[in-house]
Amino acid sequence: MAHPLTADELLALRARLDEHARALGFDQVGVAGIELPEDEANLERWLGEARHGGMDYMARHGRLRSRPADLVPGTLRVISLRMASGAPDAAPPGRVLGDGRKGYVARYALGRDYHKILRSRIAALARRLAAEFGPFGYRAFVDSAPVMEKPLARNAGLGWIGKHTNLINERAGSLFMLGELFTDLPLPVDSRAKDRCGTCSACIPACPTGAITAPYQLDARRCISYLTIEHHGEIPETLRPLIGNRIFGCDDCQLVCPWNKFARVAAEPDFRVRHGLDAADLVDLFGWSESEYLERSSGSALRRLGYRRWLRNIAVALGNAPRSAEAAAALAARRDDPDDVVRTHVRWALARQDLRPGPD
C-alpha cells in the first residue's frame, strides 16, 4: 500500500533505520531501488549456459528474481542488511584445511542457522519502524525466495560483487550474511558501491576446482559449495579428489581475498561454534547415527543436507584423507550402506585409501 509520508518524514525514517538496524545487531543497512536490468541479463546468460547445474529453481523462477515488484507487488525499495557471520571461537581455517583428518565446514555454518538469526531481526526491524512511523507494506527475506541479494546489496551501497562473485565491503571483507526487507515506502536510495578489486585476482587460482572460470564468472557445477550442499546425486568422480576435506561448503576464494584482513567475527552469540564442528575428526563425524545427525544439526544450516548427503560428503573427505586404519575401518563399516549414492562414494573412498601411501 502507498504510505502518506512526507519527504521529511521519509528522511527521518531513513535515519532511524540505521539506528534500529544497529540496535538489532546488523553491521550495515542500505536502501536500493528495484531496477536490475544488467543483472537480469547476466542471470539469463548464466542460465542459458547451464552453469546453475541442478538448481532448477533458478530457471523456474524466471524474472521474479530480478524484478522485486513482480515477486512482491507494490515494492518500491529494497532495504538490504548485512551481519558478520564468522564464528568468534572457530579454529583457524588454514589449520583445519591443512589437516586431512579433519572435516572443514564453511565458517558461516558453524553456529545457529543464519536464516533464523537474520530473519527474526529483520521482522523486528520492520515492526519497530511501523510502530514509530505507522503501518507500511513489507516482506522479509533471507535466502527464502528468488531474490538477487548481492546486486541489491551492491546497489544499496553495502559492497561490490568481487571477482569470486561474493559481495565485498571495504571495511568488513566478505564474511557476512545478507537479508532484505522489500517495502512499499519510497525511501531515498543509497549510492551503488564502487568495485575495488582492481588488478587483484587472487581468488581465481585459489578455487580448488576451477569454478571461477574468469573474473566475475562462476560455474556452479564445479563449485564445492554447490557440490557439497545443493547437489543431490553423485559428485562427479573427477572432482572428488579436488574437494579435499571440505564437507560443507568452501571458503577458499574468500580466505585469500586481501579485503578479508578487515573481516570481523560475529558479535551475535548464536554464531558461536556448536558441537566442535570447526575442527572435528572425519572418522568421528562419519560415525554419527542418523538420530545423532538430526540432533546435532538441529537449528543449523547443516540440516539442509540430510543424513544421506552428510555421509556422502564425509566419505569423499575420508577418501582424500591420509591413509589410516581408522579411516579404512570407518569406511568399511558403511561399504554396504542401503543408499546407492552413499555406497558408491564409500567404495570410491576405500579404493582411494588403498592407493594412498601409508603413514611413515
Protein backbone atom coordinates (compact mmCIF):
# COMPACT_ATOMS: atom_id res chain seq x y z
CA MET A 1 0.00 0.00 0.00
CA ALA A 2 1.11 3.57 -0.59
CA HIS A 3 2.21 5.36 2.55
CA PRO A 4 1.37 9.07 3.03
CA LEU A 5 4.73 10.08 4.50
CA THR A 6 6.20 13.42 3.54
CA ALA A 7 9.70 13.76 2.13
CA ASP A 8 10.96 14.97 5.53
CA GLU A 9 9.30 12.03 7.28
CA LEU A 10 10.92 9.59 4.85
CA LEU A 11 14.33 11.14 5.57
CA ALA A 12 13.66 10.79 9.30
CA LEU A 13 12.66 7.16 8.82
CA ARG A 14 15.84 6.52 6.85
CA ALA A 15 17.91 7.89 9.73
CA ARG A 16 16.02 5.79 12.27
CA LEU A 17 16.53 2.77 10.02
CA ASP A 18 20.27 2.98 10.67
CA GLU A 19 19.75 3.31 14.41
CA HIS A 20 17.28 0.43 14.71
CA ALA A 21 19.41 -1.83 12.49
CA ARG A 22 22.50 -1.28 14.66
CA ALA A 23 20.48 -1.89 17.81
CA LEU A 24 19.33 -5.24 16.36
CA GLY A 25 22.90 -6.36 15.66
CA PHE A 26 23.26 -5.51 11.98
CA ASP A 27 26.57 -4.07 10.85
CA GLN A 28 25.20 -2.03 7.95
CA VAL A 29 21.96 -1.17 6.21
CA GLY A 30 21.29 0.43 2.83
CA VAL A 31 18.39 1.17 0.51
CA ALA A 32 18.25 0.17 -3.15
CA GLY A 33 15.84 0.77 -5.99
CA ILE A 34 14.28 -2.20 -7.76
CA GLU A 35 15.69 -1.87 -11.28
CA LEU A 36 18.19 -4.64 -12.13
CA PRO A 37 18.34 -4.80 -15.95
CA GLU A 38 22.08 -5.50 -16.22
CA ASP A 39 21.93 -8.22 -13.56
CA GLU A 40 18.85 -9.74 -15.19
CA ALA A 41 20.75 -10.04 -18.48
CA ASN A 42 23.73 -11.63 -16.69
CA LEU A 43 21.44 -14.10 -14.93
CA GLU A 44 19.72 -15.12 -18.14
CA ARG A 45 23.06 -15.62 -19.88
CA TRP A 46 24.32 -17.73 -16.94
CA LEU A 47 21.19 -19.87 -17.02
CA GLY A 48 21.45 -20.22 -20.79
CA GLU A 49 24.94 -21.67 -20.33
CA ALA A 50 23.52 -24.18 -17.79
CA ARG A 51 26.01 -23.02 -15.18
CA HIS A 52 23.38 -23.40 -12.48
CA GLY A 53 23.76 -27.17 -12.60
CA GLY A 54 20.90 -28.96 -10.87
CA MET A 55 19.48 -25.81 -9.27
CA ASP A 56 16.35 -25.96 -11.43
CA TYR A 57 14.59 -23.42 -9.24
CA MET A 58 16.97 -20.76 -10.58
CA ALA A 59 15.41 -21.09 -14.02
CA ARG A 60 11.92 -21.93 -12.79
CA HIS A 61 11.50 -18.60 -11.02
CA GLY A 62 12.42 -16.72 -14.18
CA ARG A 63 12.42 -12.95 -13.86
CA LEU A 64 10.85 -12.91 -10.41
CA ARG A 65 14.41 -12.92 -9.13
CA SER A 66 15.42 -9.76 -10.98
CA ARG A 67 12.11 -7.88 -10.66
CA PRO A 68 11.26 -7.35 -6.98
CA ALA A 69 7.89 -5.74 -7.74
CA ASP A 70 6.82 -8.90 -9.58
CA LEU A 71 7.75 -11.02 -6.57
CA VAL A 72 6.04 -8.70 -4.07
CA PRO A 73 3.56 -6.37 -5.82
CA GLY A 74 3.82 -2.79 -4.64
CA THR A 75 7.52 -2.98 -3.79
CA LEU A 76 9.30 0.32 -4.39
CA ARG A 77 12.53 -0.17 -2.45
CA VAL A 78 14.63 -2.97 -1.02
CA ILE A 79 16.29 -2.44 2.35
CA SER A 80 19.46 -4.55 2.40
CA LEU A 81 21.24 -5.53 5.62
CA ARG A 82 24.42 -7.36 6.48
CA MET A 83 25.65 -9.08 9.63
CA ALA A 84 29.08 -10.60 10.31
CA SER A 85 28.83 -14.39 10.45
CA GLY A 86 32.31 -15.66 11.33
CA ALA A 87 32.26 -17.79 14.46
CA PRO A 88 34.35 -15.93 17.08
CA ASP A 89 35.64 -19.15 18.64
CA ALA A 90 36.43 -21.15 15.48
CA ALA A 91 39.73 -22.84 14.79
CA PRO A 92 41.81 -21.08 12.11
CA PRO A 93 40.59 -22.22 8.67
CA GLY A 94 44.08 -22.86 7.34
CA ARG A 95 44.86 -25.23 10.20
CA VAL A 96 41.75 -27.32 9.52
CA LEU A 97 42.18 -27.35 5.74
CA GLY A 98 45.78 -28.43 6.24
CA ASP A 99 44.82 -31.46 8.32
CA GLY A 100 43.19 -34.09 6.10
CA ARG A 101 41.90 -35.96 9.14
CA LYS A 102 39.56 -33.06 9.99
CA GLY A 103 36.33 -32.04 8.30
CA TYR A 104 36.07 -28.46 7.07
CA VAL A 105 32.72 -26.73 7.45
CA ALA A 106 32.23 -23.27 5.91
CA ARG A 107 32.67 -20.78 8.71
CA TYR A 108 29.18 -19.29 8.40
CA ALA A 109 27.62 -22.69 9.15
CA LEU A 110 29.32 -23.48 12.46
CA GLY A 111 26.65 -21.98 14.69
CA ARG A 112 22.91 -21.46 14.55
CA ASP A 113 21.33 -21.24 11.10
CA TYR A 114 21.84 -17.69 9.85
CA HIS A 115 18.40 -17.75 8.17
CA LYS A 116 16.78 -17.93 11.58
CA ILE A 117 19.02 -15.26 13.12
CA LEU A 118 18.65 -12.66 10.40
CA ARG A 119 15.03 -13.16 9.51
CA SER A 120 13.77 -12.67 13.06
CA ARG A 121 15.85 -9.48 13.36
CA ILE A 122 14.60 -8.10 10.04
CA ALA A 123 11.00 -8.73 11.08
CA ALA A 124 11.71 -6.95 14.37
CA LEU A 125 13.18 -4.02 12.43
CA ALA A 126 10.00 -3.70 10.37
CA ARG A 127 7.84 -3.80 13.48
CA ARG A 128 9.90 -1.06 15.14
CA LEU A 129 9.60 1.19 12.10
CA ALA A 130 5.86 0.56 11.82
CA ALA A 131 5.36 1.38 15.50
CA GLU A 132 7.19 4.67 15.05
CA PHE A 133 6.00 5.80 11.60
CA GLY A 134 2.78 3.90 11.02
CA PRO A 135 1.99 0.67 9.15
CA PHE A 136 3.53 0.00 5.75
CA GLY A 137 3.81 -2.91 3.34
CA TYR A 138 6.84 -5.18 3.66
CA ARG A 139 8.20 -8.71 3.39
CA ALA A 140 11.42 -10.02 4.87
CA PHE A 141 13.72 -12.43 3.07
CA VAL A 142 16.88 -14.33 3.96
CA ASP A 143 17.65 -16.79 1.16
CA SER A 144 13.98 -17.72 1.32
CA ALA A 145 12.72 -16.53 -2.08
CA PRO A 146 14.06 -15.71 -5.56
CA VAL A 147 15.92 -12.53 -4.61
CA MET A 148 19.10 -11.14 -6.21
CA GLU A 149 20.57 -10.34 -2.83
CA LYS A 150 24.09 -9.43 -3.96
CA PRO A 151 23.13 -6.99 -6.73
CA LEU A 152 20.58 -5.37 -4.42
CA ALA A 153 23.16 -5.08 -1.64
CA ARG A 154 25.65 -3.60 -4.10
CA ASN A 155 23.07 -1.03 -5.24
CA ALA A 156 22.31 -0.26 -1.59
CA GLY A 157 25.97 0.59 -1.01
CA LEU A 158 26.86 -2.42 1.15
CA GLY A 159 29.72 -3.56 -1.07
CA TRP A 160 30.72 -4.60 -4.55
CA ILE A 161 30.49 -8.00 -6.19
CA GLY A 162 34.04 -9.32 -6.35
CA LYS A 163 35.72 -11.43 -8.98
CA HIS A 164 34.72 -14.53 -6.98
CA THR A 165 31.05 -13.34 -7.24
CA ASN A 166 30.71 -12.73 -3.48
CA LEU A 167 29.93 -9.32 -2.01
CA ILE A 168 32.93 -7.45 -0.56
CA ASN A 169 32.81 -4.50 1.81
CA GLU A 170 35.90 -2.32 2.10
CA ARG A 171 35.61 -2.20 5.90
CA ALA A 172 34.41 -5.74 6.56
CA GLY A 173 35.64 -8.05 3.82
CA SER A 174 33.16 -10.68 2.65
CA LEU A 175 32.50 -12.93 5.64
CA PHE A 176 28.98 -11.79 6.39
CA MET A 177 25.39 -12.73 5.59
CA LEU A 178 22.70 -10.68 3.86
CA GLY A 179 18.99 -10.18 4.32
CA GLU A 180 16.36 -8.00 2.67
CA LEU A 181 13.22 -6.10 3.51
CA PHE A 182 11.01 -5.41 0.49
CA THR A 183 8.90 -2.33 1.15
CA ASP A 184 6.37 -0.01 -0.47
CA LEU A 185 8.00 3.02 1.19
CA PRO A 186 9.58 5.41 -1.37
CA LEU A 187 12.73 5.85 0.71
CA PRO A 188 15.73 7.76 -0.64
CA VAL A 189 18.17 5.29 -2.18
CA ASP A 190 21.85 4.94 -1.35
CA SER A 191 24.73 5.16 -3.82
CA ARG A 192 25.89 2.00 -5.54
CA ALA A 193 29.20 0.67 -4.18
CA LYS A 194 32.28 1.02 -6.36
CA ASP A 195 34.22 -2.07 -7.48
CA ARG A 196 37.57 -2.08 -5.67
CA CYS A 197 39.02 -5.42 -6.78
CA GLY A 198 41.40 -3.59 -9.10
CA THR A 199 44.05 -5.84 -10.63
CA CYS A 200 43.84 -8.43 -7.85
CA SER A 201 42.75 -11.89 -8.99
CA ALA A 202 43.92 -14.00 -6.03
CA CYS A 203 40.55 -15.72 -5.74
CA ILE A 204 40.62 -17.23 -9.22
CA PRO A 205 43.58 -19.63 -8.86
CA ALA A 206 42.62 -20.27 -5.21
CA CYS A 207 39.45 -22.14 -6.21
CA PRO A 208 40.29 -25.86 -5.78
CA THR A 209 38.06 -26.96 -8.65
CA GLY A 210 38.47 -24.05 -11.07
CA ALA A 211 34.86 -22.95 -10.64
CA ILE A 212 35.76 -19.27 -11.11
CA THR A 213 36.21 -19.52 -14.86
CA ALA A 214 37.01 -15.81 -15.36
CA PRO A 215 36.69 -12.64 -13.30
CA TYR A 216 33.09 -12.34 -12.08
CA GLN A 217 32.18 -15.68 -13.70
CA LEU A 218 31.23 -18.76 -11.65
CA ASP A 219 30.34 -22.21 -12.94
CA ALA A 220 28.29 -23.66 -10.08
CA ARG A 221 28.70 -27.16 -11.48
CA ARG A 222 32.33 -27.09 -10.34
CA CYS A 223 31.85 -25.10 -7.13
CA ILE A 224 32.48 -27.05 -3.92
CA SER A 225 29.70 -25.17 -2.12
CA TYR A 226 27.27 -26.31 -4.81
CA LEU A 227 28.62 -29.86 -4.94
CA THR A 228 28.52 -30.41 -1.17
CA ILE A 229 25.30 -28.53 -0.37
CA GLU A 230 22.99 -28.04 -3.35
CA HIS A 231 23.84 -31.11 -5.44
CA HIS A 232 21.78 -34.17 -4.58
CA GLY A 233 23.28 -37.00 -6.59
CA GLU A 234 26.73 -38.41 -7.09
CA ILE A 235 29.58 -35.94 -7.09
CA PRO A 236 31.50 -36.24 -10.38
CA GLU A 237 34.40 -38.58 -9.80
CA THR A 238 36.93 -36.23 -11.41
CA LEU A 239 36.05 -33.52 -8.88
CA ARG A 240 36.09 -35.65 -5.74
CA PRO A 241 39.87 -35.52 -5.17
CA LEU A 242 39.77 -31.72 -5.52
CA ILE A 243 37.23 -31.34 -2.72
CA GLY A 244 39.79 -32.38 -0.14
CA ASN A 245 38.34 -32.36 3.37
CA ARG A 246 35.58 -29.80 2.72
CA ILE A 247 32.37 -31.45 3.87
CA PHE A 248 30.01 -28.45 3.86
CA GLY A 249 30.75 -25.53 1.61
CA CYS A 250 34.06 -23.86 0.84
CA ASP A 251 35.69 -20.57 1.84
CA ASP A 252 38.91 -20.74 -0.18
CA CYS A 253 38.21 -17.86 -2.56
CA GLN A 254 37.36 -15.64 0.38
CA LEU A 255 40.24 -16.75 2.59
CA VAL A 256 42.79 -15.44 0.07
CA CYS A 257 40.96 -12.15 -0.54
CA PRO A 258 43.08 -9.28 0.82
CA TRP A 259 39.96 -7.39 1.83
CA ASN A 260 39.25 -10.02 4.45
CA LYS A 261 42.04 -8.62 6.60
CA PHE A 262 39.19 -6.31 7.65
CA ALA A 263 36.71 -9.15 8.27
CA ARG A 264 35.11 -9.18 11.68
CA VAL A 265 33.90 -12.12 13.70
CA ALA A 266 30.25 -12.21 14.64
CA ALA A 267 29.10 -10.30 17.69
CA GLU A 268 25.95 -12.41 17.74
CA PRO A 269 26.41 -15.29 20.27
CA ASP A 270 24.30 -17.65 18.16
CA PHE A 271 27.10 -17.79 15.57
CA ARG A 272 29.43 -19.48 18.07
CA VAL A 273 30.65 -22.97 17.21
CA ARG A 274 28.35 -25.89 18.01
CA HIS A 275 29.40 -29.50 18.64
CA GLY A 276 33.08 -28.83 17.89
CA LEU A 277 32.35 -28.68 14.16
CA ASP A 278 35.10 -26.16 13.48
CA ALA A 279 37.75 -28.89 13.60
CA ALA A 280 36.04 -32.26 14.08
CA ASP A 281 37.62 -35.59 13.16
CA LEU A 282 36.18 -37.08 9.97
CA VAL A 283 36.06 -40.57 11.46
CA ASP A 284 34.03 -39.30 14.41
CA LEU A 285 31.59 -37.43 12.14
CA PHE A 286 31.19 -40.47 9.88
CA GLY A 287 30.24 -42.50 12.91
CA TRP A 288 27.19 -40.36 13.71
CA SER A 289 23.93 -42.28 13.53
CA GLU A 290 21.04 -40.62 11.75
CA SER A 291 19.47 -39.67 15.08
CA GLU A 292 22.76 -38.11 16.21
CA TYR A 293 22.99 -36.17 12.95
CA LEU A 294 19.42 -34.90 13.33
CA GLU A 295 20.01 -33.89 16.94
CA ARG A 296 23.33 -32.14 16.32
CA SER A 297 22.25 -30.39 13.13
CA SER A 298 19.03 -29.09 14.65
CA GLY A 299 18.79 -25.32 14.16
CA SER A 300 21.89 -25.39 11.96
CA ALA A 301 22.49 -24.81 8.25
CA LEU A 302 23.87 -28.37 8.20
CA ARG A 303 20.34 -29.73 8.48
CA ARG A 304 19.59 -28.84 4.85
CA LEU A 305 21.93 -31.62 3.72
CA GLY A 306 20.03 -34.52 5.17
CA TYR A 307 21.83 -37.57 6.51
CA ARG A 308 22.45 -39.13 3.07
CA ARG A 309 24.43 -36.18 1.69
CA TRP A 310 26.18 -35.72 5.04
CA LEU A 311 27.58 -39.25 4.72
CA ARG A 312 28.34 -38.79 1.02
CA ASN A 313 30.43 -35.69 1.68
CA ILE A 314 32.35 -37.21 4.57
CA ALA A 315 33.04 -40.34 2.53
CA VAL A 316 34.70 -38.19 -0.13
CA ALA A 317 36.79 -36.42 2.51
CA LEU A 318 37.85 -39.74 4.01
CA GLY A 319 38.90 -40.89 0.55
CA ASN A 320 41.11 -37.83 0.35
CA ALA A 321 42.41 -38.20 3.92
CA PRO A 322 45.83 -39.58 4.84
CA ARG A 323 45.83 -43.35 4.79
CA SER A 324 44.96 -44.80 8.17
CA ALA A 325 43.45 -47.93 9.67
CA GLU A 326 40.81 -45.79 11.39
CA ALA A 327 39.65 -44.19 8.12
CA ALA A 328 39.58 -47.55 6.31
CA ALA A 329 37.62 -49.19 9.13
CA ALA A 330 35.08 -46.36 9.24
CA LEU A 331 34.53 -46.61 5.51
CA ALA A 332 34.39 -50.41 5.53
CA ALA A 333 31.62 -50.27 8.13
CA ARG A 334 29.45 -48.47 5.56
CA ARG A 335 30.57 -50.40 2.48
CA ASP A 336 27.09 -51.89 2.11
CA ASP A 337 25.09 -48.82 3.08
CA PRO A 338 21.48 -49.14 1.86
CA ASP A 339 21.70 -45.84 -0.02
CA ASP A 340 23.14 -46.13 -3.54
CA VAL A 341 24.84 -42.72 -3.50
CA VAL A 342 26.45 -43.26 -0.10
CA ARG A 343 27.58 -46.74 -1.08
CA THR A 344 29.15 -45.50 -4.34
CA HIS A 345 31.15 -42.80 -2.58
CA VAL A 346 32.22 -45.12 0.24
CA ARG A 347 33.59 -47.67 -2.21
CA TRP A 348 35.40 -44.94 -4.15
CA ALA A 349 36.90 -43.70 -0.89
CA LEU A 350 38.04 -47.18 0.13
CA ALA A 351 39.80 -47.57 -3.20
CA ARG A 352 41.47 -44.18 -2.70
CA GLN A 353 42.62 -45.17 0.77
CA ASP A 354 44.15 -48.35 -0.63
CA LEU A 355 46.12 -46.35 -3.19
CA ARG A 356 47.41 -43.70 -0.80
CA PRO A 357 50.85 -44.12 0.75
CA GLY A 358 50.81 -45.39 4.31
CA PRO A 359 51.99 -43.47 7.35
CA ASP A 360 55.74 -43.21 7.86
